[in-house]
Amino acid sequence: MDYHPMNPADLSHAAAEPASTELDQRLTRALETAPEVGIPADFAARVASRVPARPMVTSTPTHYGDYAMTLGVLTTLATLFWLGLQTHNGPAFTFVESFLLAEFIALTVWLTVWRRSLR
């Protein structure tokens, strides 16, 4: 390529225009030329060889949720028996007892019916 340095001492419009036009043409050609993209044939193998080997991870289920729900069922059942021995018959007492009974039924159904279908 032929490069023409611009002379800062020559600021006339006529002298600057050919260099400007030539520069514009060279820039346009450079921007319109698409670069050639090439991927080496062994690129994937080289990248894969740099990746560290991952150890085989196995996990065993802990069933902490099942244990917590079984404990909840047993605690609710014990509380229902204890409340059944009490002689209070107020509306608040009846509400608490009904709530605990509903909780006991829900937890029991969850543990026996619905959870078995998830396994």
N, C-alpha and C. Protein backbone atom coordinates (compact mmCIF):
# COMPACT_ATOMS: atom_id res chain seq x y z
N MET A 1 0.84 -1.18 0.00
CA MET A 1 0.00 0.00 0.00
C MET A 1 0.88 1.24 0.00
N ASP A 2 0.35 2.23 -0.58
CA ASP A 2 1.09 3.48 -0.70
C ASP A 2 0.56 4.44 0.34
N TYR A 3 1.39 4.78 1.31
CA TYR A 3 0.98 5.70 2.38
C TYR A 3 1.54 7.08 2.09
N HIS A 4 0.68 8.06 2.22
CA HIS A 4 1.09 9.44 2.02
C HIS A 4 0.91 10.18 3.33
N PRO A 5 2.02 10.53 3.98
CA PRO A 5 1.86 11.28 5.23
C PRO A 5 1.30 12.66 4.94
N MET A 6 0.46 13.10 5.82
CA MET A 6 -0.14 14.42 5.65
C MET A 6 0.81 15.46 6.23
N ASN A 7 1.00 16.50 5.52
CA ASN A 7 1.88 17.58 5.94
C ASN A 7 1.06 18.59 6.73
N PRO A 8 1.33 18.77 8.02
CA PRO A 8 0.53 19.73 8.79
C PRO A 8 0.76 21.16 8.34
N ALA A 9 1.86 21.44 7.63
CA ALA A 9 2.11 22.82 7.17
C ALA A 9 1.23 23.17 5.99
N ASP A 10 0.81 22.17 5.22
CA ASP A 10 -0.02 22.41 4.04
C ASP A 10 -1.48 22.22 4.43
N LEU A 11 -2.17 23.30 4.73
CA LEU A 11 -3.56 23.23 5.19
C LEU A 11 -4.54 23.70 4.13
N SER A 12 -4.12 23.78 2.91
CA SER A 12 -5.04 24.23 1.88
C SER A 12 -6.08 23.15 1.60
N HIS A 13 -7.27 23.55 1.25
CA HIS A 13 -8.38 22.62 1.01
C HIS A 13 -8.10 21.73 -0.19
N ALA A 14 -7.51 22.25 -1.21
CA ALA A 14 -7.23 21.49 -2.43
C ALA A 14 -6.19 20.40 -2.17
N ALA A 15 -5.22 20.66 -1.33
CA ALA A 15 -4.17 19.69 -1.06
C ALA A 15 -4.67 18.60 -0.11
N ALA A 16 -5.59 18.91 0.79
CA ALA A 16 -6.07 17.95 1.77
C ALA A 16 -7.14 17.04 1.20
N GLU A 17 -7.85 17.46 0.16
CA GLU A 17 -8.97 16.68 -0.37
C GLU A 17 -8.54 15.36 -1.00
N PRO A 18 -7.53 15.25 -1.83
CA PRO A 18 -7.16 13.96 -2.40
C PRO A 18 -6.72 12.96 -1.33
N ALA A 19 -5.99 13.41 -0.36
CA ALA A 19 -5.55 12.51 0.70
C ALA A 19 -6.76 12.05 1.51
N SER A 20 -7.71 12.93 1.73
CA SER A 20 -8.91 12.59 2.48
C SER A 20 -9.75 11.59 1.71
N THR A 21 -9.89 11.78 0.42
CA THR A 21 -10.67 10.86 -0.41
C THR A 21 -9.99 9.49 -0.44
N GLU A 22 -8.69 9.49 -0.60
CA GLU A 22 -7.95 8.23 -0.62
C GLU A 22 -8.08 7.52 0.73
N LEU A 23 -8.00 8.26 1.82
CA LEU A 23 -8.13 7.68 3.15
C LEU A 23 -9.53 7.10 3.35
N ASP A 24 -10.53 7.84 2.88
CA ASP A 24 -11.91 7.34 2.98
C ASP A 24 -12.08 6.05 2.20
N GLN A 25 -11.50 5.98 1.03
CA GLN A 25 -11.61 4.77 0.21
C GLN A 25 -10.91 3.59 0.88
N ARG A 26 -9.72 3.84 1.41
CA ARG A 26 -9.01 2.76 2.09
C ARG A 26 -9.77 2.28 3.32
N LEU A 27 -10.35 3.20 4.10
CA LEU A 27 -11.14 2.82 5.27
C LEU A 27 -12.38 2.02 4.86
N THR A 28 -13.04 2.46 3.81
CA THR A 28 -14.23 1.76 3.34
C THR A 28 -13.88 0.35 2.90
N ARG A 29 -12.77 0.20 2.13
CA ARG A 29 -12.35 -1.14 1.69
C ARG A 29 -12.01 -2.02 2.89
N ALA A 30 -11.34 -1.46 3.89
CA ALA A 30 -10.94 -2.24 5.06
C ALA A 30 -12.16 -2.68 5.87
N LEU A 31 -13.15 -1.80 5.97
CA LEU A 31 -14.35 -2.13 6.74
C LEU A 31 -15.27 -3.10 5.99
N GLU A 32 -15.27 -3.04 4.68
CA GLU A 32 -16.16 -3.91 3.90
C GLU A 32 -15.56 -5.29 3.64
N THR A 33 -14.29 -5.46 3.88
CA THR A 33 -13.65 -6.75 3.68
C THR A 33 -13.90 -7.63 4.89
N ALA A 34 -14.55 -8.76 4.65
CA ALA A 34 -14.85 -9.68 5.75
C ALA A 34 -13.60 -10.50 6.09
N PRO A 35 -13.29 -10.63 7.36
CA PRO A 35 -12.11 -11.43 7.73
C PRO A 35 -12.38 -12.91 7.53
N GLU A 36 -11.37 -13.65 7.22
CA GLU A 36 -11.50 -15.09 7.06
C GLU A 36 -11.34 -15.74 8.44
N VAL A 37 -12.36 -16.46 8.84
CA VAL A 37 -12.34 -17.13 10.13
C VAL A 37 -12.02 -18.59 9.91
N GLY A 38 -11.04 -19.06 10.64
CA GLY A 38 -10.65 -20.46 10.51
C GLY A 38 -10.46 -21.08 11.88
N ILE A 39 -11.05 -22.24 12.06
CA ILE A 39 -10.92 -22.97 13.32
C ILE A 39 -10.07 -24.21 13.04
N PRO A 40 -8.98 -24.38 13.77
CA PRO A 40 -8.14 -25.55 13.54
C PRO A 40 -8.92 -26.84 13.79
N ALA A 41 -8.53 -27.90 13.10
CA ALA A 41 -9.24 -29.18 13.21
C ALA A 41 -9.13 -29.78 14.60
N ASP A 42 -8.01 -29.54 15.28
CA ASP A 42 -7.83 -30.13 16.61
C ASP A 42 -8.21 -29.19 17.74
N PHE A 43 -8.96 -28.14 17.45
CA PHE A 43 -9.31 -27.14 18.46
C PHE A 43 -10.13 -27.76 19.61
N ALA A 44 -11.16 -28.53 19.28
CA ALA A 44 -12.01 -29.14 20.32
C ALA A 44 -11.21 -30.11 21.18
N ALA A 45 -10.32 -30.87 20.57
CA ALA A 45 -9.52 -31.82 21.34
C ALA A 45 -8.56 -31.09 22.28
N ARG A 46 -7.98 -29.97 21.82
CA ARG A 46 -7.08 -29.21 22.69
C ARG A 46 -7.82 -28.60 23.87
N VAL A 47 -9.00 -28.05 23.61
CA VAL A 47 -9.79 -27.47 24.70
C VAL A 47 -10.21 -28.55 25.69
N ALA A 48 -10.66 -29.69 25.19
CA ALA A 48 -11.10 -30.78 26.06
C ALA A 48 -9.95 -31.33 26.88
N SER A 49 -8.75 -31.31 26.35
CA SER A 49 -7.60 -31.83 27.10
C SER A 49 -7.21 -30.92 28.25
N ARG A 50 -7.57 -29.64 28.17
CA ARG A 50 -7.24 -28.69 29.24
C ARG A 50 -8.25 -28.67 30.37
N VAL A 51 -9.43 -29.23 30.14
CA VAL A 51 -10.47 -29.25 31.17
C VAL A 51 -10.10 -30.31 32.21
N PRO A 52 -10.09 -29.93 33.49
CA PRO A 52 -9.76 -30.94 34.51
C PRO A 52 -10.87 -31.98 34.63
N ALA A 53 -10.46 -33.19 34.91
CA ALA A 53 -11.43 -34.28 35.06
C ALA A 53 -12.25 -34.07 36.33
N ARG A 54 -13.55 -34.23 36.21
CA ARG A 54 -14.42 -34.08 37.38
C ARG A 54 -14.62 -35.44 38.03
N PRO A 55 -14.50 -35.48 39.34
CA PRO A 55 -14.75 -36.77 40.01
C PRO A 55 -16.23 -37.11 39.96
N MET A 56 -16.51 -38.38 39.98
CA MET A 56 -17.89 -38.85 39.96
C MET A 56 -18.53 -38.53 41.31
N VAL A 57 -19.62 -37.79 41.27
CA VAL A 57 -20.29 -37.39 42.49
C VAL A 57 -21.56 -38.22 42.64
N THR A 58 -21.63 -38.93 43.74
CA THR A 58 -22.84 -39.68 44.03
C THR A 58 -23.41 -39.16 45.33
N SER A 59 -24.69 -39.06 45.39
CA SER A 59 -25.31 -38.59 46.61
C SER A 59 -26.35 -39.62 47.05
N THR A 60 -26.43 -39.77 48.34
CA THR A 60 -27.43 -40.67 48.90
C THR A 60 -28.51 -39.82 49.54
N PRO A 61 -29.75 -40.15 49.34
CA PRO A 61 -30.82 -39.36 49.95
C PRO A 61 -30.76 -39.45 51.47
N THR A 62 -31.01 -38.32 52.10
CA THR A 62 -30.92 -38.28 53.57
C THR A 62 -32.28 -38.43 54.24
N HIS A 63 -33.34 -38.07 53.58
CA HIS A 63 -34.71 -38.20 54.10
C HIS A 63 -34.92 -37.38 55.38
N TYR A 64 -34.22 -36.26 55.52
CA TYR A 64 -34.42 -35.41 56.69
C TYR A 64 -35.85 -34.88 56.75
N GLY A 65 -36.42 -34.55 55.60
CA GLY A 65 -37.79 -34.06 55.57
C GLY A 65 -38.78 -35.11 56.04
N ASP A 66 -38.57 -36.36 55.63
CA ASP A 66 -39.46 -37.44 56.08
C ASP A 66 -39.35 -37.63 57.59
N TYR A 67 -38.12 -37.57 58.09
CA TYR A 67 -37.94 -37.72 59.54
C TYR A 67 -38.60 -36.59 60.31
N ALA A 68 -38.47 -35.37 59.81
CA ALA A 68 -39.09 -34.22 60.47
C ALA A 68 -40.61 -34.33 60.45
N MET A 69 -41.17 -34.81 59.33
CA MET A 69 -42.63 -34.94 59.27
C MET A 69 -43.12 -36.08 60.16
N THR A 70 -42.37 -37.15 60.27
CA THR A 70 -42.75 -38.23 61.19
C THR A 70 -42.72 -37.73 62.62
N LEU A 71 -41.70 -36.95 62.95
CA LEU A 71 -41.64 -36.35 64.28
C LEU A 71 -42.82 -35.40 64.50
N GLY A 72 -43.21 -34.65 63.47
CA GLY A 72 -44.37 -33.77 63.58
C GLY A 72 -45.66 -34.54 63.81
N VAL A 73 -45.82 -35.67 63.12
CA VAL A 73 -47.02 -36.50 63.32
C VAL A 73 -47.05 -37.04 64.75
N LEU A 74 -45.92 -37.55 65.22
CA LEU A 74 -45.88 -38.10 66.59
C LEU A 74 -46.10 -37.03 67.64
N THR A 75 -45.52 -35.85 67.45
CA THR A 75 -45.73 -34.74 68.39
C THR A 75 -47.18 -34.29 68.39
N THR A 76 -47.78 -34.19 67.22
CA THR A 76 -49.19 -33.79 67.14
C THR A 76 -50.09 -34.82 67.79
N LEU A 77 -49.79 -36.09 67.56
CA LEU A 77 -50.59 -37.15 68.17
C LEU A 77 -50.47 -37.12 69.70
N ALA A 78 -49.26 -36.93 70.20
CA ALA A 78 -49.06 -36.85 71.66
C ALA A 78 -49.79 -35.64 72.24
N THR A 79 -49.75 -34.51 71.54
CA THR A 79 -50.45 -33.31 72.01
C THR A 79 -51.95 -33.53 71.99
N LEU A 80 -52.47 -34.20 70.97
CA LEU A 80 -53.91 -34.49 70.93
C LEU A 80 -54.32 -35.39 72.10
N PHE A 81 -53.51 -36.41 72.42
CA PHE A 81 -53.83 -37.25 73.58
C PHE A 81 -53.79 -36.45 74.88
N TRP A 82 -52.79 -35.59 75.00
CA TRP A 82 -52.69 -34.78 76.22
C TRP A 82 -53.87 -33.82 76.34
N LEU A 83 -54.27 -33.20 75.22
CA LEU A 83 -55.42 -32.29 75.25
C LEU A 83 -56.72 -33.04 75.51
N GLY A 84 -56.78 -34.30 75.09
CA GLY A 84 -57.98 -35.10 75.35
C GLY A 84 -58.16 -35.40 76.83
N LEU A 85 -57.07 -35.40 77.58
CA LEU A 85 -57.15 -35.64 79.03
C LEU A 85 -57.56 -34.40 79.81
N GLN A 86 -57.45 -33.23 79.20
CA GLN A 86 -57.80 -31.99 79.88
C GLN A 86 -59.33 -31.83 79.94
N THR A 87 -59.80 -31.08 80.90
CA THR A 87 -61.24 -30.91 81.09
C THR A 87 -61.74 -29.55 80.63
N HIS A 88 -60.90 -28.76 79.97
CA HIS A 88 -61.33 -27.45 79.47
C HIS A 88 -62.22 -27.64 78.25
N ASN A 89 -63.29 -26.89 78.19
CA ASN A 89 -64.21 -27.01 77.05
C ASN A 89 -64.55 -25.67 76.45
N GLY A 90 -63.63 -24.70 76.47
CA GLY A 90 -63.87 -23.37 75.90
C GLY A 90 -63.72 -23.40 74.39
N PRO A 91 -64.16 -22.33 73.72
CA PRO A 91 -64.08 -22.28 72.25
C PRO A 91 -62.62 -22.24 71.76
N ALA A 92 -61.74 -21.59 72.50
CA ALA A 92 -60.33 -21.55 72.09
C ALA A 92 -59.72 -22.94 72.17
N PHE A 93 -60.06 -23.67 73.20
CA PHE A 93 -59.56 -25.02 73.38
C PHE A 93 -60.05 -25.92 72.24
N THR A 94 -61.29 -25.78 71.88
CA THR A 94 -61.88 -26.57 70.80
C THR A 94 -61.21 -26.23 69.47
N PHE A 95 -60.92 -24.93 69.25
CA PHE A 95 -60.24 -24.51 68.02
C PHE A 95 -58.84 -25.11 67.93
N VAL A 96 -58.09 -25.06 69.01
CA VAL A 96 -56.73 -25.61 69.02
C VAL A 96 -56.77 -27.12 68.78
N GLU A 97 -57.70 -27.78 69.43
CA GLU A 97 -57.81 -29.22 69.25
C GLU A 97 -58.20 -29.57 67.81
N SER A 98 -59.12 -28.82 67.23
CA SER A 98 -59.53 -29.05 65.84
C SER A 98 -58.38 -28.78 64.87
N PHE A 99 -57.63 -27.73 65.15
CA PHE A 99 -56.49 -27.39 64.31
C PHE A 99 -55.43 -28.50 64.35
N LEU A 100 -55.13 -28.99 65.54
CA LEU A 100 -54.15 -30.06 65.68
C LEU A 100 -54.64 -31.35 65.03
N LEU A 101 -55.93 -31.63 65.11
CA LEU A 101 -56.48 -32.81 64.46
C LEU A 101 -56.35 -32.70 62.94
N ALA A 102 -56.65 -31.52 62.40
CA ALA A 102 -56.52 -31.31 60.96
C ALA A 102 -55.05 -31.43 60.53
N GLU A 103 -54.14 -30.91 61.33
CA GLU A 103 -52.72 -31.02 61.03
C GLU A 103 -52.27 -32.49 61.06
N PHE A 104 -52.75 -33.22 62.04
CA PHE A 104 -52.41 -34.64 62.15
C PHE A 104 -52.88 -35.41 60.92
N ILE A 105 -54.10 -35.14 60.50
CA ILE A 105 -54.64 -35.82 59.31
C ILE A 105 -53.86 -35.45 58.06
N ALA A 106 -53.55 -34.16 57.91
CA ALA A 106 -52.82 -33.71 56.72
C ALA A 106 -51.42 -34.33 56.66
N LEU A 107 -50.72 -34.33 57.78
CA LEU A 107 -49.38 -34.91 57.80
C LEU A 107 -49.41 -36.42 57.55
N THR A 108 -50.39 -37.09 58.10
CA THR A 108 -50.50 -38.53 57.90
C THR A 108 -50.79 -38.87 56.45
N VAL A 109 -51.70 -38.13 55.83
CA VAL A 109 -52.01 -38.35 54.42
C VAL A 109 -50.78 -38.04 53.57
N TRP A 110 -50.07 -36.97 53.90
CA TRP A 110 -48.87 -36.62 53.15
C TRP A 110 -47.83 -37.74 53.22
N LEU A 111 -47.59 -38.25 54.40
CA LEU A 111 -46.57 -39.28 54.57
C LEU A 111 -46.95 -40.61 53.94
N THR A 112 -48.21 -40.98 54.00
CA THR A 112 -48.60 -42.33 53.56
C THR A 112 -49.04 -42.39 52.10
N VAL A 113 -49.83 -41.45 51.66
CA VAL A 113 -50.42 -41.56 50.33
C VAL A 113 -49.62 -40.77 49.30
N TRP A 114 -49.51 -39.50 49.48
CA TRP A 114 -48.97 -38.64 48.42
C TRP A 114 -47.47 -38.81 48.28
N ARG A 115 -46.72 -38.92 49.36
CA ARG A 115 -45.26 -39.06 49.30
C ARG A 115 -44.85 -40.38 48.65
N ARG A 116 -45.63 -41.43 48.81
CA ARG A 116 -45.28 -42.71 48.20
C ARG A 116 -45.33 -42.62 46.67
N SER A 117 -46.23 -41.78 46.17
CA SER A 117 -46.34 -41.67 44.71
C SER A 117 -45.19 -40.86 44.13
N LEU A 118 -44.47 -40.09 44.93
CA LEU A 118 -43.33 -39.31 44.43
C LEU A 118 -42.06 -40.15 44.31
N ARG A 119 -41.98 -41.23 45.00
CA ARG A 119 -40.76 -42.05 45.01
C ARG A 119 -40.67 -42.95 43.84
